[in-house]
Amino acid sequence: MRILYSLLTYLAAPLAFLAQLGRGFGDRAYWDRAGERFGFGARLAGPSMWIHAVSVGEVRAAAILVPRLKQRWPSLPIVITTTTPTGARQVRELFADRVTHCYLPFDLPGAVRRFLDRVQPCAGVIMETEIWPVLYGECSRRGIPLTIASARLSPRSTPRYQRLSGLMRDVFAGDITVAAQSAADAERYVSIGANAARTLVAGNIKFDLDVPEEVRAKGYALRERIGGARPVWIAGSTREGEEALLLGAHEKIVAAHPGALLILVPRHPQRFADVESLLVREGVRFVTRSSGARVAADASVLLVDAVGELLAFYASADVAFVGGTLVPIGGHNLLEPAALGLPVLTGPHVFNAPDVARALLDAGAAMEVRDAEEVAAAVTRLLGDADERQRRGHAGMGVLAANRGAVERIVELVATRLPEETKRLRS
C-alpha cells in the first residue's frame, strides 16, 4: 500500500506544483520559496524542535505551545512549517525571527529526506490533523518521535481514512503518539489504525489561550478609531455564503441600533476582493482595513482585508459571531472571542470542534443561531443588554479556565521521548 501511495504522489506532485503556481495569480506569495516544496529550505547547524501547523488556525494554536517549549529547552531552535502562505504570514506576525519558518515539502521521498536532513528535528509536533505517510515513515526510519497535538478527526473524515486502513496502520507503526482533544477523537484515531497504546486524551491546546495584553491594548485603540460609543459586533473567519446572510442580519440590527458597525473578517485573503464586490453590489457604506482610513460615522461595515489581526479586532467588539458555522464548513475557533470575554454566536455547523461548542453552549457563553433572522435577533438583544453580555463573557472565560492543561501534558509527552543528548539542552 505504501508503494502504491508513493507512486500516486509522484504522479500527483506535478499537478500539485502547477496548482501552487496557479494560486499565485491570486496571491503572489504562492510563488515565493518554491524550492521549499521540494525540501530545499533552511539549513540548521544542529538539532531542532519541529512543529507543523498547516495554516492560520493551527499556527495560532502552536503560538500557545511555543513559549512553553522555549522555556523548557531554551537553546533548542524551533522550526515551524506551514502549507499555506497565510500560515506563513501568521508565523511572521506572531514570532518574527524567534523561530525558523519553511513550507512543508510535498510528500515525496526525496523532498522529505532533504527537508529532514536540513532541519534535523529531534522531535516533531504535528498540530491537530495532518497525516503524511512518506514523511511519517521517514521520521520513523530516523527515530524521530512525533506527537500529534490537539489531535482531532471529524466524523465526516474518519470513513475516508478507514478505507485506507492498511496504509494507516503502516503510517502509525512508527513512534507516533496521538494526543487527542477528546475521547471521541481518540476512538476515531484508533479506528483508522493508530496504536491504542500510544493514543490518549490530552485535551485541546486552544483552552490554554492567554490573550497578550498588547493584543487587548490594540483592540482598545482600534475601538477608539472606530468610534468608541457606537455598538460594534464582529463576524470573524467568515466563509463563502455567510457574508450575504450577515449583511442581511446587519440591516435589521442597524434598524434597532442606529450607528451599529459590523466588522467583517473573511477567512481567506483570496476572498477579500469578492467580499468587497459584494458590499459594493449591496450598496453598503464600508471602509477597508487596508485603506488605512478612519471609519466614518456613516460607514456601516469595516472590511478587514488583512491577515493576523483577528484577535485584536475581537477585542474591539461587543459581540462576536464565528464563521464557518452557518455553512457546512465545521466552524472556526470559538475560544478566541470567549477568551476576551465576549458573548459568542455560532451557527449549527460545529463538527470541527463539537466538544468546544457544547461546553460554551452549556455554560451559556455561546448562543446558536441558524439563519440571518436569528443572527439579527441575538445581536440586537445582546447589544442592548450590557449585563447579559458581561454574564455570557464571564461564563466563556470560566470554560477556558476549567479546561486548561493540554499544553503541559503535551510538553511532558514530548520530553519523555526526546533523545538523552537533547534533554540535556534544557539549560
Protein backbone atom coordinates (compact mmCIF):
# COMPACT_ATOMS: atom_id res chain seq x y z
CA MET A 1 0.00 0.00 0.00
CA ARG A 2 2.85 2.41 0.82
CA ILE A 3 4.45 1.70 -2.59
CA LEU A 4 1.16 2.48 -4.34
CA TYR A 5 0.81 5.68 -2.31
CA SER A 6 4.36 6.75 -3.25
CA LEU A 7 3.64 6.10 -6.93
CA LEU A 8 0.47 8.17 -6.77
CA THR A 9 2.27 11.05 -5.02
CA TYR A 10 4.95 11.06 -7.75
CA LEU A 11 2.20 11.29 -10.36
CA ALA A 12 0.30 13.96 -8.42
CA ALA A 13 3.28 16.15 -7.49
CA PRO A 14 3.50 17.99 -10.86
CA LEU A 15 -0.22 18.73 -10.68
CA ALA A 16 0.12 19.95 -7.09
CA PHE A 17 3.02 22.22 -8.10
CA LEU A 18 1.03 23.61 -11.02
CA ALA A 19 -1.87 24.25 -8.65
CA GLN A 20 0.51 26.22 -6.40
CA LEU A 21 1.63 28.27 -9.39
CA GLY A 22 -2.00 28.85 -10.38
CA ARG A 23 -2.88 30.12 -6.91
CA GLY A 24 -0.04 32.57 -7.28
CA PHE A 25 -2.12 34.61 -9.71
CA GLY A 26 -4.43 35.39 -6.77
CA ASP A 27 -1.74 35.53 -4.09
CA ARG A 28 1.85 36.08 -5.25
CA ALA A 29 3.12 34.52 -2.02
CA TYR A 30 2.45 31.09 -3.56
CA TRP A 31 5.34 31.80 -5.94
CA ASP A 32 7.80 32.57 -3.13
CA ARG A 33 10.32 29.98 -1.91
CA ALA A 34 9.02 27.33 -4.29
CA GLY A 35 12.11 25.20 -3.67
CA GLU A 36 10.92 24.55 -0.12
CA ARG A 37 8.06 22.48 -1.54
CA PHE A 38 10.79 20.05 -2.70
CA GLY A 39 12.80 20.11 0.53
CA PHE A 40 15.24 22.90 -0.37
CA GLY A 41 14.58 25.00 2.71
CA ALA A 42 16.52 26.45 5.62
CA ARG A 43 19.59 24.51 6.76
CA LEU A 44 20.15 24.43 10.52
CA ALA A 45 23.52 23.88 12.19
CA GLY A 46 22.20 21.42 14.76
CA PRO A 47 19.10 19.67 16.09
CA SER A 48 15.77 21.46 16.26
CA MET A 49 12.24 21.08 17.56
CA TRP A 50 9.89 20.90 14.59
CA ILE A 51 6.23 21.98 14.69
CA HIS A 52 3.91 21.61 11.71
CA ALA A 53 0.88 23.89 11.61
CA VAL A 54 -0.91 23.71 8.27
CA SER A 55 -2.41 27.23 8.23
CA VAL A 56 -3.61 30.18 10.31
CA GLY A 57 -5.74 28.37 12.90
CA GLU A 58 -3.09 25.78 13.64
CA VAL A 59 -0.37 28.44 13.84
CA ARG A 60 -2.42 30.30 16.45
CA ALA A 61 -2.71 27.08 18.43
CA ALA A 62 1.04 26.49 18.08
CA ALA A 63 1.61 30.01 19.43
CA ILE A 64 0.27 28.79 22.78
CA LEU A 65 2.72 25.87 22.79
CA VAL A 66 5.91 27.54 21.53
CA PRO A 67 6.64 29.72 24.61
CA ARG A 68 6.44 26.66 26.87
CA LEU A 69 8.76 24.66 24.61
CA LYS A 70 11.24 27.57 24.56
CA GLN A 71 11.06 27.79 28.33
CA ARG A 72 11.75 24.06 28.68
CA TRP A 73 14.54 23.90 26.04
CA PRO A 74 15.79 27.48 25.59
CA SER A 75 18.81 26.54 23.47
CA LEU A 76 16.87 24.30 21.07
CA PRO A 77 15.85 26.12 17.85
CA ILE A 78 12.22 25.80 16.79
CA VAL A 79 11.23 25.26 13.17
CA ILE A 80 7.60 25.83 12.15
CA THR A 81 6.33 24.52 8.84
CA THR A 82 3.09 25.55 7.20
CA THR A 83 1.37 24.60 3.98
CA THR A 84 -0.21 27.95 3.09
CA PRO A 85 1.22 31.47 2.66
CA THR A 86 -1.43 32.77 5.08
CA GLY A 87 0.00 30.41 7.68
CA ALA A 88 3.49 31.72 6.85
CA ARG A 89 2.33 35.31 7.34
CA GLN A 90 0.83 34.36 10.69
CA VAL A 91 4.15 32.82 11.77
CA ARG A 92 5.96 36.07 10.90
CA GLU A 93 3.30 38.12 12.68
CA LEU A 94 3.42 36.06 15.88
CA PHE A 95 7.09 35.06 16.12
CA ALA A 96 9.17 37.37 13.89
CA ASP A 97 12.69 35.88 13.93
CA ARG A 98 12.25 33.85 17.12
CA VAL A 99 11.53 30.73 15.05
CA THR A 100 12.56 29.47 11.63
CA HIS A 101 9.76 29.09 9.10
CA CYS A 102 9.66 26.99 5.96
CA TYR A 103 6.98 25.33 3.88
CA LEU A 104 6.29 21.64 4.38
CA PRO A 105 7.58 19.75 1.35
CA PHE A 106 5.42 17.62 -0.89
CA ASP A 107 5.13 14.08 0.47
CA LEU A 108 7.79 12.71 -1.88
CA PRO A 109 10.70 10.58 -0.60
CA GLY A 110 13.44 12.84 -1.94
CA ALA A 111 11.78 16.06 -0.80
CA VAL A 112 11.10 14.63 2.66
CA ARG A 113 14.69 13.39 3.07
CA ARG A 114 16.11 16.78 2.06
CA PHE A 115 13.78 18.56 4.47
CA LEU A 116 14.74 16.34 7.41
CA ASP A 117 18.45 16.50 6.53
CA ARG A 118 18.32 20.30 6.66
CA VAL A 119 16.06 20.80 9.68
CA GLN A 120 17.45 17.89 11.77
CA PRO A 121 14.45 17.57 14.10
CA CYS A 122 14.99 15.66 17.32
CA ALA A 123 11.18 15.56 17.70
CA GLY A 124 8.13 16.71 15.79
CA VAL A 125 4.81 18.13 16.95
CA ILE A 126 2.01 17.98 14.39
CA MET A 127 -0.92 20.28 15.12
CA GLU A 128 -4.44 18.79 15.01
CA THR A 129 -4.88 16.67 11.83
CA GLU A 130 -2.10 16.15 9.32
CA ILE A 131 -1.20 12.63 8.17
CA TRP A 132 1.60 12.27 5.59
CA PRO A 133 2.65 8.64 5.03
CA VAL A 134 6.06 9.26 3.43
CA LEU A 135 7.01 11.94 5.96
CA TYR A 136 5.89 9.86 8.93
CA GLY A 137 7.65 6.78 7.56
CA GLU A 138 10.94 8.62 7.11
CA CYS A 139 10.67 10.06 10.63
CA SER A 140 10.17 6.51 11.91
CA ARG A 141 13.22 5.28 9.97
CA ARG A 142 15.34 8.05 11.53
CA GLY A 143 13.99 7.55 15.04
CA ILE A 144 12.30 10.95 15.19
CA PRO A 145 9.36 10.76 17.64
CA LEU A 146 6.17 12.52 16.55
CA THR A 147 3.30 13.83 18.66
CA ILE A 148 0.01 14.76 17.04
CA ALA A 149 -1.04 17.52 19.44
CA SER A 150 -4.65 18.57 19.98
CA ALA A 151 -5.42 15.75 17.58
CA ARG A 152 -8.90 15.81 16.13
CA LEU A 153 -10.64 13.75 13.49
CA SER A 154 -14.14 14.64 12.43
CA PRO A 155 -16.86 12.01 11.92
CA ARG A 156 -17.01 13.11 8.27
CA SER A 157 -13.29 12.49 7.67
CA THR A 158 -13.00 9.19 9.53
CA PRO A 159 -14.57 6.91 6.86
CA ARG A 160 -12.13 8.20 4.23
CA TYR A 161 -9.17 7.18 6.38
CA GLN A 162 -10.80 3.87 7.31
CA ARG A 163 -10.94 2.94 3.64
CA LEU A 164 -7.13 3.19 3.69
CA SER A 165 -6.76 1.14 6.87
CA GLY A 166 -3.77 -0.84 5.59
CA LEU A 167 -1.81 2.31 4.78
CA MET A 168 -2.87 3.98 8.02
CA ARG A 169 -1.72 1.06 10.18
CA ASP A 170 1.62 1.26 8.42
CA VAL A 171 1.77 5.04 8.98
CA PHE A 172 1.10 4.72 12.71
CA ALA A 173 3.52 1.83 13.19
CA GLY A 174 6.30 4.31 13.97
CA ASP A 175 6.96 6.26 17.17
CA ILE A 176 3.81 8.37 16.95
CA THR A 177 1.78 9.50 19.94
CA VAL A 178 -1.75 10.77 19.34
CA ALA A 179 -2.63 13.37 22.00
CA ALA A 180 -6.32 13.70 21.21
CA GLN A 181 -8.61 16.59 22.06
CA SER A 182 -11.39 14.30 23.32
CA ALA A 183 -12.23 10.66 23.93
CA ALA A 184 -14.27 10.60 20.71
CA ASP A 185 -11.27 11.89 18.73
CA ALA A 186 -9.05 9.24 20.33
CA GLU A 187 -11.51 6.49 19.38
CA ARG A 188 -11.66 7.73 15.80
CA TYR A 189 -7.86 7.74 15.52
CA VAL A 190 -7.68 4.16 16.82
CA SER A 191 -10.39 3.18 14.33
CA ILE A 192 -8.21 4.34 11.41
CA GLY A 193 -5.12 2.49 12.59
CA ALA A 194 -3.45 4.49 15.39
CA ASN A 195 -1.78 2.41 18.09
CA ALA A 196 -4.21 2.29 21.02
CA ALA A 197 -1.31 2.08 23.50
CA ARG A 198 0.05 5.40 22.20
CA THR A 199 -3.29 7.20 21.87
CA LEU A 200 -4.53 9.25 24.79
CA VAL A 201 -6.72 12.22 25.62
CA ALA A 202 -4.59 15.30 26.37
CA GLY A 203 -7.20 17.99 25.72
CA ASN A 204 -7.35 20.98 23.41
CA ILE A 205 -4.38 23.37 23.43
CA LYS A 206 -6.69 26.23 22.49
CA PHE A 207 -8.18 26.19 26.01
CA ASP A 208 -4.75 27.33 27.25
CA LEU A 209 -5.02 30.57 25.30
CA ASP A 210 -3.85 33.66 27.18
CA VAL A 211 -4.52 36.83 25.24
CA PRO A 212 -1.43 39.08 25.43
CA GLU A 213 -2.02 42.46 26.99
CA GLU A 214 -0.70 44.16 23.85
CA VAL A 215 -3.47 42.50 21.83
CA ARG A 216 -6.09 43.87 24.23
CA ALA A 217 -4.46 47.29 24.05
CA LYS A 218 -4.51 47.17 20.26
CA GLY A 219 -8.19 46.25 20.42
CA TYR A 220 -8.99 49.22 22.63
CA ALA A 221 -7.09 51.52 20.25
CA LEU A 222 -8.99 50.10 17.29
CA ARG A 223 -12.25 50.74 19.12
CA GLU A 224 -11.33 54.37 19.55
CA ARG A 225 -10.62 54.69 15.82
CA ILE A 226 -13.94 53.02 15.04
CA GLY A 227 -15.85 55.28 17.39
CA GLY A 228 -15.96 54.15 20.99
CA ALA A 229 -19.60 54.92 21.65
CA ARG A 230 -21.19 53.08 18.72
CA PRO A 231 -22.36 49.46 19.09
CA VAL A 232 -19.92 47.06 17.41
CA TRP A 233 -20.26 43.41 16.50
CA ILE A 234 -17.77 41.27 14.61
CA ALA A 235 -18.09 38.32 12.25
CA GLY A 236 -14.75 36.51 12.28
CA SER A 237 -13.41 33.90 9.84
CA THR A 238 -16.45 34.10 7.57
CA ARG A 239 -16.77 31.75 4.61
CA GLU A 240 -18.45 31.90 1.23
CA GLY A 241 -22.22 32.11 1.60
CA GLU A 242 -22.10 33.64 5.07
CA GLU A 243 -21.33 37.27 4.27
CA ALA A 244 -24.61 37.82 2.39
CA LEU A 245 -26.57 36.36 5.31
CA LEU A 246 -24.69 38.51 7.81
CA LEU A 247 -25.26 41.68 5.79
CA GLY A 248 -28.97 40.90 5.77
CA ALA A 249 -28.86 40.50 9.54
CA HIS A 250 -26.88 43.71 9.93
CA GLU A 251 -29.55 45.72 8.14
CA LYS A 252 -32.04 44.68 10.84
CA ILE A 253 -29.51 45.32 13.62
CA VAL A 254 -28.91 48.88 12.40
CA ALA A 255 -32.67 49.47 12.40
CA ALA A 256 -32.71 48.63 16.12
CA HIS A 257 -29.33 50.18 16.97
CA PRO A 258 -28.62 53.15 14.67
CA GLY A 259 -24.91 53.56 14.15
CA ALA A 260 -24.11 49.88 14.75
CA LEU A 261 -20.95 48.73 12.99
CA LEU A 262 -20.20 45.27 11.61
CA ILE A 263 -16.52 44.28 11.50
CA LEU A 264 -16.38 41.67 8.73
CA VAL A 265 -13.30 39.41 8.64
CA PRO A 266 -13.28 36.86 5.79
CA ARG A 267 -11.27 33.72 6.50
CA HIS A 268 -9.12 33.65 3.36
CA PRO A 269 -7.23 36.55 1.71
CA GLN A 270 -8.13 35.31 -1.77
CA ARG A 271 -11.78 36.13 -0.99
CA PHE A 272 -11.20 39.73 0.13
CA ALA A 273 -11.93 41.12 -3.33
CA ASP A 274 -15.09 39.02 -3.68
CA VAL A 275 -16.44 40.23 -0.35
CA GLU A 276 -15.62 43.83 -1.26
CA SER A 277 -17.53 43.38 -4.53
CA LEU A 278 -20.50 42.02 -2.56
CA LEU A 279 -20.52 45.11 -0.36
CA VAL A 280 -20.47 47.34 -3.44
CA ARG A 281 -23.33 45.42 -5.08
CA GLU A 282 -25.40 45.63 -1.91
CA GLY A 283 -24.88 49.39 -1.69
CA VAL A 284 -23.28 49.14 1.77
CA ARG A 285 -21.18 52.06 3.00
CA PHE A 286 -17.93 50.46 4.13
CA VAL A 287 -14.25 51.05 4.81
CA THR A 288 -11.44 48.57 4.18
CA ARG A 289 -8.73 47.96 6.73
CA SER A 290 -6.08 48.09 4.01
CA SER A 291 -7.06 51.67 3.09
CA GLY A 292 -5.94 52.94 6.49
CA ALA A 293 -8.90 55.33 6.51
CA ARG A 294 -10.79 56.14 9.67
CA VAL A 295 -14.20 54.54 9.97
CA ALA A 296 -16.62 57.39 9.36
CA ALA A 297 -19.80 57.64 11.41
CA ASP A 298 -21.92 56.79 8.35
CA ALA A 299 -19.89 53.66 7.48
CA SER A 300 -21.86 50.53 8.33
CA VAL A 301 -19.16 47.89 7.77
CA LEU A 302 -15.42 47.67 8.31
CA LEU A 303 -13.98 45.04 5.97
CA VAL A 304 -10.80 43.60 7.46
CA ASP A 305 -8.83 42.71 4.33
CA ALA A 306 -5.67 41.92 6.28
CA VAL A 307 -4.21 38.85 7.98
CA GLY A 308 -3.11 38.42 11.58
CA GLU A 309 -5.36 40.95 13.33
CA LEU A 310 -8.44 38.90 14.16
CA LEU A 311 -7.77 38.69 17.91
CA ALA A 312 -7.28 42.45 18.18
CA PHE A 313 -10.50 43.10 16.27
CA TYR A 314 -12.35 40.65 18.53
CA ALA A 315 -11.01 42.74 21.43
CA SER A 316 -12.53 45.86 19.87
CA ALA A 317 -16.08 44.44 19.63
CA ASP A 318 -19.09 43.91 21.91
CA VAL A 319 -20.42 40.67 20.37
CA ALA A 320 -18.72 38.04 18.19
CA PHE A 321 -20.05 35.67 15.55
CA VAL A 322 -17.61 32.93 14.49
CA GLY A 323 -17.74 31.89 10.85
CA GLY A 324 -17.74 28.58 9.07
CA THR A 325 -20.78 27.64 11.15
CA LEU A 326 -23.76 28.92 9.14
CA VAL A 327 -22.48 26.88 6.18
CA PRO A 328 -21.28 23.26 6.46
CA ILE A 329 -17.59 24.04 6.91
CA GLY A 330 -17.40 22.84 10.51
CA GLY A 331 -16.58 26.08 12.29
CA HIS A 332 -13.51 28.02 13.34
CA ASN A 333 -12.09 28.91 16.76
CA LEU A 334 -14.90 29.76 19.19
CA LEU A 335 -12.46 30.09 22.07
CA GLU A 336 -10.69 33.23 20.83
CA PRO A 337 -13.62 35.61 21.41
CA ALA A 338 -14.56 33.68 24.57
CA ALA A 339 -11.06 34.28 25.96
CA LEU A 340 -11.66 38.00 25.51
CA GLY A 341 -14.89 37.88 27.49
CA LEU A 342 -17.23 38.33 24.52
CA PRO A 343 -20.58 36.60 24.12
CA VAL A 344 -20.21 34.20 21.19
CA LEU A 345 -22.65 33.40 18.40
CA THR A 346 -22.24 30.25 16.34
CA GLY A 347 -24.20 28.56 13.61
CA PRO A 348 -25.16 24.87 13.86
CA HIS A 349 -22.21 23.51 11.83
CA VAL A 350 -19.56 22.97 14.50
CA PHE A 351 -18.34 19.46 13.69
CA ASN A 352 -14.68 20.55 13.65
CA ALA A 353 -14.80 21.08 17.42
CA PRO A 354 -18.15 19.84 18.78
CA ASP A 355 -16.86 19.48 22.35
CA VAL A 356 -15.75 23.11 22.46
CA ALA A 357 -19.07 24.29 21.08
CA ARG A 358 -21.04 22.14 23.53
CA ALA A 359 -19.02 23.38 26.51
CA LEU A 360 -19.63 27.03 25.59
CA LEU A 361 -23.31 26.49 24.79
CA ASP A 362 -23.95 24.55 28.01
CA ALA A 363 -22.26 27.27 30.07
CA GLY A 364 -24.35 29.99 28.43
CA ALA A 365 -21.23 31.57 26.93
CA ALA A 366 -22.39 30.91 23.37
CA MET A 367 -25.71 31.04 21.53
CA GLU A 368 -26.62 29.03 18.44
CA VAL A 369 -28.10 30.94 15.51
CA ARG A 370 -29.31 29.18 12.37
CA ASP A 371 -30.03 31.96 9.88
CA ALA A 372 -29.95 35.71 9.29
CA GLU A 373 -33.13 36.27 11.31
CA GLU A 374 -31.68 34.56 14.36
CA VAL A 375 -28.34 36.36 13.99
CA ALA A 376 -30.16 39.69 13.86
CA ALA A 377 -32.33 38.88 16.88
CA ALA A 378 -29.39 37.66 19.00
CA VAL A 379 -27.06 40.56 18.17
CA THR A 380 -29.83 43.11 18.63
CA ARG A 381 -30.63 41.71 22.06
CA LEU A 382 -27.01 41.49 23.20
CA LEU A 383 -26.09 44.98 22.02
CA GLY A 384 -28.98 46.28 24.09
CA ASP A 385 -28.13 44.38 27.29
CA ALA A 386 -24.69 45.02 28.79
CA ASP A 387 -25.44 42.79 31.79
CA GLU A 388 -26.16 39.79 29.57
CA ARG A 389 -23.01 40.44 27.55
CA GLN A 390 -20.97 40.51 30.73
CA ARG A 391 -22.62 37.38 32.13
CA ARG A 392 -22.03 35.36 28.97
CA GLY A 393 -18.49 36.70 28.63
CA HIS A 394 -17.60 35.64 32.16
CA ALA A 395 -19.08 32.21 31.50
CA GLY A 396 -16.82 31.80 28.46
CA MET A 397 -13.69 32.69 30.41
CA GLY A 398 -14.79 30.17 33.03
CA VAL A 399 -14.97 27.43 30.39
CA LEU A 400 -11.40 28.14 29.34
CA ALA A 401 -10.17 28.17 32.94
CA ALA A 402 -11.85 24.82 33.68
CA ASN A 403 -10.25 23.09 30.68
CA ARG A 404 -6.66 24.28 30.77
CA GLY A 405 -3.69 21.94 30.97
CA ALA A 406 -3.25 20.46 27.49
CA VAL A 407 -0.02 22.38 26.84
CA GLU A 408 1.71 20.97 29.93
CA ARG A 409 0.56 17.46 29.11
CA ILE A 410 1.90 17.73 25.55
CA VAL A 411 5.23 19.21 26.65
CA GLU A 412 5.67 16.30 29.05
CA LEU A 413 4.82 13.80 26.30
CA VAL A 414 7.48 15.37 24.08
CA ALA A 415 10.00 15.41 26.94
CA THR A 416 9.67 11.72 27.71
CA ARG A 417 10.57 10.76 24.16
CA LEU A 418 13.44 13.10 23.38
CA PRO A 419 16.93 11.64 22.88
CA GLU A 420 19.06 11.87 26.04
CA GLU A 421 21.51 14.33 24.49
CA THR A 422 18.62 16.66 23.62
CA LYS A 423 17.18 16.51 27.12
CA ARG A 424 20.46 17.93 28.36
CA LEU A 425 19.83 21.05 26.25
CA ARG A 426 17.26 22.11 28.84
CA SER A 427 19.54 24.65 30.46
